């Protein structure tokens, strides 16, 4: 039988082992791309200049909408059903979706847009 102190110690040790062995969660269905690379790309493309994005360094602007919870939104840009394909489309060519949008075309490649979408779909 363990004492409360030993149980607490075992619990902390167990957490450390779990944390060390944890892998990133899988992408949601229909989402391809590398979420960690997407997090880095959000910074490299300067997305935090306009958006607040959890987990992205210096991404705390409020020009565009905050991206926390974007995975739970019904629409993207107010007009596109929120699907992985549409998110990639919006990231790559926002003026093709809405010519009046303030979001600039950053010339994001297809692969980079998929990585960015993979990260954004984890922001629930």
C-alpha atoms as a PDB file:
ATOM      1  CA  UNK A   1       0.000   0.000   0.000  1.00  0.00           C
ATOM      2  CA  UNK A   2       1.402   3.401  -0.926  1.00  0.00           C
ATOM      3  CA  UNK A   3       1.412   6.464   1.262  1.00  0.00           C
ATOM      4  CA  UNK A   4       0.049   9.793   0.020  1.00  0.00           C
ATOM      5  CA  UNK A   5       3.592  11.107  -0.439  1.00  0.00           C
ATOM      6  CA  UNK A   6       4.762   8.154  -2.501  1.00  0.00           C
ATOM      7  CA  UNK A   7       1.600   8.261  -4.585  1.00  0.00           C
ATOM      8  CA  UNK A   8       2.193  11.938  -5.379  1.00  0.00           C
ATOM      9  CA  UNK A   9       5.815  11.210  -6.260  1.00  0.00           C
ATOM     10  CA  UNK A  10       4.777   8.328  -8.494  1.00  0.00           C
ATOM     11  CA  UNK A  11       2.162  10.535 -10.162  1.00  0.00           C
ATOM     12  CA  UNK A  12       4.726  13.228 -10.974  1.00  0.00           C
ATOM     13  CA  UNK A  13       7.176  10.666 -12.285  1.00  0.00           C
ATOM     14  CA  UNK A  14       4.436   9.175 -14.424  1.00  0.00           C
ATOM     15  CA  UNK A  15       3.628  12.576 -15.865  1.00  0.00           C
ATOM     16  CA  UNK A  16       7.276  13.151 -16.746  1.00  0.00           C
ATOM     17  CA  UNK A  17       7.474   9.792 -18.505  1.00  0.00           C
ATOM     18  CA  UNK A  18       4.262  10.507 -20.379  1.00  0.00           C
ATOM     19  CA  UNK A  19       5.396  13.985 -21.382  1.00  0.00           C
ATOM     20  CA  UNK A  20       8.726  12.693 -22.656  1.00  0.00           C
ATOM     21  CA  UNK A  21       7.065   9.969 -24.731  1.00  0.00           C
ATOM     22  CA  UNK A  22       4.137  11.938 -26.087  1.00  0.00           C
ATOM     23  CA  UNK A  23       3.756  12.495 -29.777  1.00  0.00           C
ATOM     24  CA  UNK A  24       1.866  15.331 -31.410  1.00  0.00           C
ATOM     25  CA  UNK A  25      -1.848  14.612 -31.733  1.00  0.00           C
ATOM     26  CA  UNK A  26      -2.959  13.387 -35.153  1.00  0.00           C
ATOM     27  CA  UNK A  27      -4.462  15.814 -37.623  1.00  0.00           C
ATOM     28  CA  UNK A  28      -8.247  15.994 -37.686  1.00  0.00           C
ATOM     29  CA  UNK A  29      -9.901  14.054 -40.537  1.00  0.00           C
ATOM     30  CA  UNK A  30      -9.331  15.660 -43.922  1.00  0.00           C
ATOM     31  CA  UNK A  31      -6.395  17.771 -42.725  1.00  0.00           C
ATOM     32  CA  UNK A  32      -2.991  17.042 -44.212  1.00  0.00           C
ATOM     33  CA  UNK A  33       0.233  18.861 -43.536  1.00  0.00           C
ATOM     34  CA  UNK A  34       2.679  19.205 -40.677  1.00  0.00           C
ATOM     35  CA  UNK A  35       1.175  21.266 -37.852  1.00  0.00           C
ATOM     36  CA  UNK A  36       4.502  22.103 -36.200  1.00  0.00           C
ATOM     37  CA  UNK A  37       5.927  23.303 -39.488  1.00  0.00           C
ATOM     38  CA  UNK A  38       2.681  25.271 -39.928  1.00  0.00           C
ATOM     39  CA  UNK A  39       3.231  27.016 -36.588  1.00  0.00           C
ATOM     40  CA  UNK A  40       6.694  28.073 -37.758  1.00  0.00           C
ATOM     41  CA  UNK A  41       5.354  29.194 -41.133  1.00  0.00           C
ATOM     42  CA  UNK A  42       2.706  31.386 -39.498  1.00  0.00           C
ATOM     43  CA  UNK A  43       5.581  33.298 -37.962  1.00  0.00           C
ATOM     44  CA  UNK A  44       7.684  33.327 -41.126  1.00  0.00           C
ATOM     45  CA  UNK A  45       4.839  34.657 -43.272  1.00  0.00           C
ATOM     46  CA  UNK A  46       4.167  37.367 -40.688  1.00  0.00           C
ATOM     47  CA  UNK A  47       0.602  36.299 -39.954  1.00  0.00           C
ATOM     48  CA  UNK A  48       0.954  37.632 -36.410  1.00  0.00           C
ATOM     49  CA  UNK A  49       1.242  41.141 -37.851  1.00  0.00           C
ATOM     50  CA  UNK A  50      -2.543  41.071 -38.230  1.00  0.00           C
ATOM     51  CA  UNK A  51      -3.777  38.119 -36.157  1.00  0.00           C
ATOM     52  CA  UNK A  52      -3.437  36.853 -32.628  1.00  0.00           C
ATOM     53  CA  UNK A  53      -2.472  33.197 -32.890  1.00  0.00           C
ATOM     54  CA  UNK A  54      -2.008  31.003 -29.814  1.00  0.00           C
ATOM     55  CA  UNK A  55       1.390  29.327 -29.724  1.00  0.00           C
ATOM     56  CA  UNK A  56       2.973  31.639 -32.299  1.00  0.00           C
ATOM     57  CA  UNK A  57       5.567  34.013 -30.943  1.00  0.00           C
ATOM     58  CA  UNK A  58       4.687  37.714 -31.238  1.00  0.00           C
ATOM     59  CA  UNK A  59       1.345  36.909 -32.878  1.00  0.00           C
ATOM     60  CA  UNK A  60      -0.867  39.162 -30.796  1.00  0.00           C
ATOM     61  CA  UNK A  61      -2.230  41.734 -33.262  1.00  0.00           C
ATOM     62  CA  UNK A  62      -5.874  42.640 -33.656  1.00  0.00           C
ATOM     63  CA  UNK A  63      -6.086  43.901 -37.242  1.00  0.00           C
ATOM     64  CA  UNK A  64      -7.621  40.639 -38.473  1.00  0.00           C
ATOM     65  CA  UNK A  65      -9.700  38.213 -36.431  1.00  0.00           C
ATOM     66  CA  UNK A  66      -8.042  36.163 -33.697  1.00  0.00           C
ATOM     67  CA  UNK A  67      -7.342  32.641 -34.905  1.00  0.00           C
ATOM     68  CA  UNK A  68      -7.983  30.905 -31.598  1.00  0.00           C
ATOM     69  CA  UNK A  69     -10.888  28.555 -32.178  1.00  0.00           C
ATOM     70  CA  UNK A  70     -10.817  28.921 -35.955  1.00  0.00           C
ATOM     71  CA  UNK A  71     -11.285  25.147 -36.207  1.00  0.00           C
ATOM     72  CA  UNK A  72     -14.710  25.501 -34.584  1.00  0.00           C
ATOM     73  CA  UNK A  73     -16.023  28.248 -36.850  1.00  0.00           C
ATOM     74  CA  UNK A  74     -18.697  27.448 -39.402  1.00  0.00           C
ATOM     75  CA  UNK A  75     -17.353  29.862 -42.019  1.00  0.00           C
ATOM     76  CA  UNK A  76     -13.985  31.188 -43.099  1.00  0.00           C
ATOM     77  CA  UNK A  77     -13.848  34.801 -44.247  1.00  0.00           C
ATOM     78  CA  UNK A  78     -17.598  34.934 -43.730  1.00  0.00           C
ATOM     79  CA  UNK A  79     -18.285  33.131 -47.003  1.00  0.00           C
ATOM     80  CA  UNK A  80     -16.502  29.770 -47.189  1.00  0.00           C
ATOM     81  CA  UNK A  81     -17.674  26.683 -45.345  1.00  0.00           C
ATOM     82  CA  UNK A  82     -14.896  25.786 -42.915  1.00  0.00           C
ATOM     83  CA  UNK A  83     -13.220  22.779 -44.521  1.00  0.00           C
ATOM     84  CA  UNK A  84      -9.526  21.972 -44.889  1.00  0.00           C
ATOM     85  CA  UNK A  85      -9.691  22.522 -48.642  1.00  0.00           C
ATOM     86  CA  UNK A  86     -11.348  25.911 -48.224  1.00  0.00           C
ATOM     87  CA  UNK A  87      -8.901  26.985 -45.531  1.00  0.00           C
ATOM     88  CA  UNK A  88      -5.980  26.200 -47.848  1.00  0.00           C
ATOM     89  CA  UNK A  89      -7.759  28.084 -50.646  1.00  0.00           C
ATOM     90  CA  UNK A  90      -8.298  31.137 -48.392  1.00  0.00           C
ATOM     91  CA  UNK A  91      -4.697  31.139 -47.147  1.00  0.00           C
ATOM     92  CA  UNK A  92      -3.308  30.898 -50.674  1.00  0.00           C
ATOM     93  CA  UNK A  93      -5.500  33.392 -52.525  1.00  0.00           C
ATOM     94  CA  UNK A  94      -7.783  35.453 -50.285  1.00  0.00           C
ATOM     95  CA  UNK A  95      -8.744  37.942 -53.042  1.00  0.00           C
ATOM     96  CA  UNK A  96     -10.015  35.073 -55.193  1.00  0.00           C
ATOM     97  CA  UNK A  97     -12.525  34.346 -52.412  1.00  0.00           C
ATOM     98  CA  UNK A  98     -13.325  37.952 -51.506  1.00  0.00           C
ATOM     99  CA  UNK A  99     -11.858  40.696 -53.721  1.00  0.00           C
ATOM    100  CA  UNK A 100     -12.577  43.274 -51.000  1.00  0.00           C
ATOM    101  CA  UNK A 101     -10.685  41.495 -48.219  1.00  0.00           C
ATOM    102  CA  UNK A 102      -7.872  43.264 -46.423  1.00  0.00           C
ATOM    103  CA  UNK A 103      -5.971  39.984 -46.110  1.00  0.00           C
ATOM    104  CA  UNK A 104      -2.959  40.156 -48.419  1.00  0.00           C
ATOM    105  CA  UNK A 105      -1.904  37.441 -50.806  1.00  0.00           C
ATOM    106  CA  UNK A 106       1.361  36.272 -49.246  1.00  0.00           C
ATOM    107  CA  UNK A 107       2.140  33.852 -52.097  1.00  0.00           C
ATOM    108  CA  UNK A 108       1.844  30.879 -49.777  1.00  0.00           C
ATOM    109  CA  UNK A 109       2.602  27.604 -51.531  1.00  0.00           C
ATOM    110  CA  UNK A 110       0.109  24.738 -51.500  1.00  0.00           C
ATOM    111  CA  UNK A 111       2.332  22.691 -49.180  1.00  0.00           C
ATOM    112  CA  UNK A 112       2.848  25.595 -46.789  1.00  0.00           C
ATOM    113  CA  UNK A 113      -0.886  26.358 -46.739  1.00  0.00           C
ATOM    114  CA  UNK A 114      -1.587  22.724 -45.835  1.00  0.00           C
ATOM    115  CA  UNK A 115       0.932  22.929 -42.982  1.00  0.00           C
ATOM    116  CA  UNK A 116      -0.589  26.205 -41.735  1.00  0.00           C
ATOM    117  CA  UNK A 117      -4.102  24.741 -41.937  1.00  0.00           C
ATOM    118  CA  UNK A 118      -2.945  21.682 -39.977  1.00  0.00           C
ATOM    119  CA  UNK A 119      -1.782  23.966 -37.156  1.00  0.00           C
ATOM    120  CA  UNK A 120      -4.876  26.190 -37.263  1.00  0.00           C
ATOM    121  CA  UNK A 121      -7.206  23.183 -37.082  1.00  0.00           C
ATOM    122  CA  UNK A 122      -5.622  22.291 -33.748  1.00  0.00           C
ATOM    123  CA  UNK A 123      -6.651  25.660 -32.267  1.00  0.00           C
ATOM    124  CA  UNK A 124      -9.980  24.578 -30.820  1.00  0.00           C
END
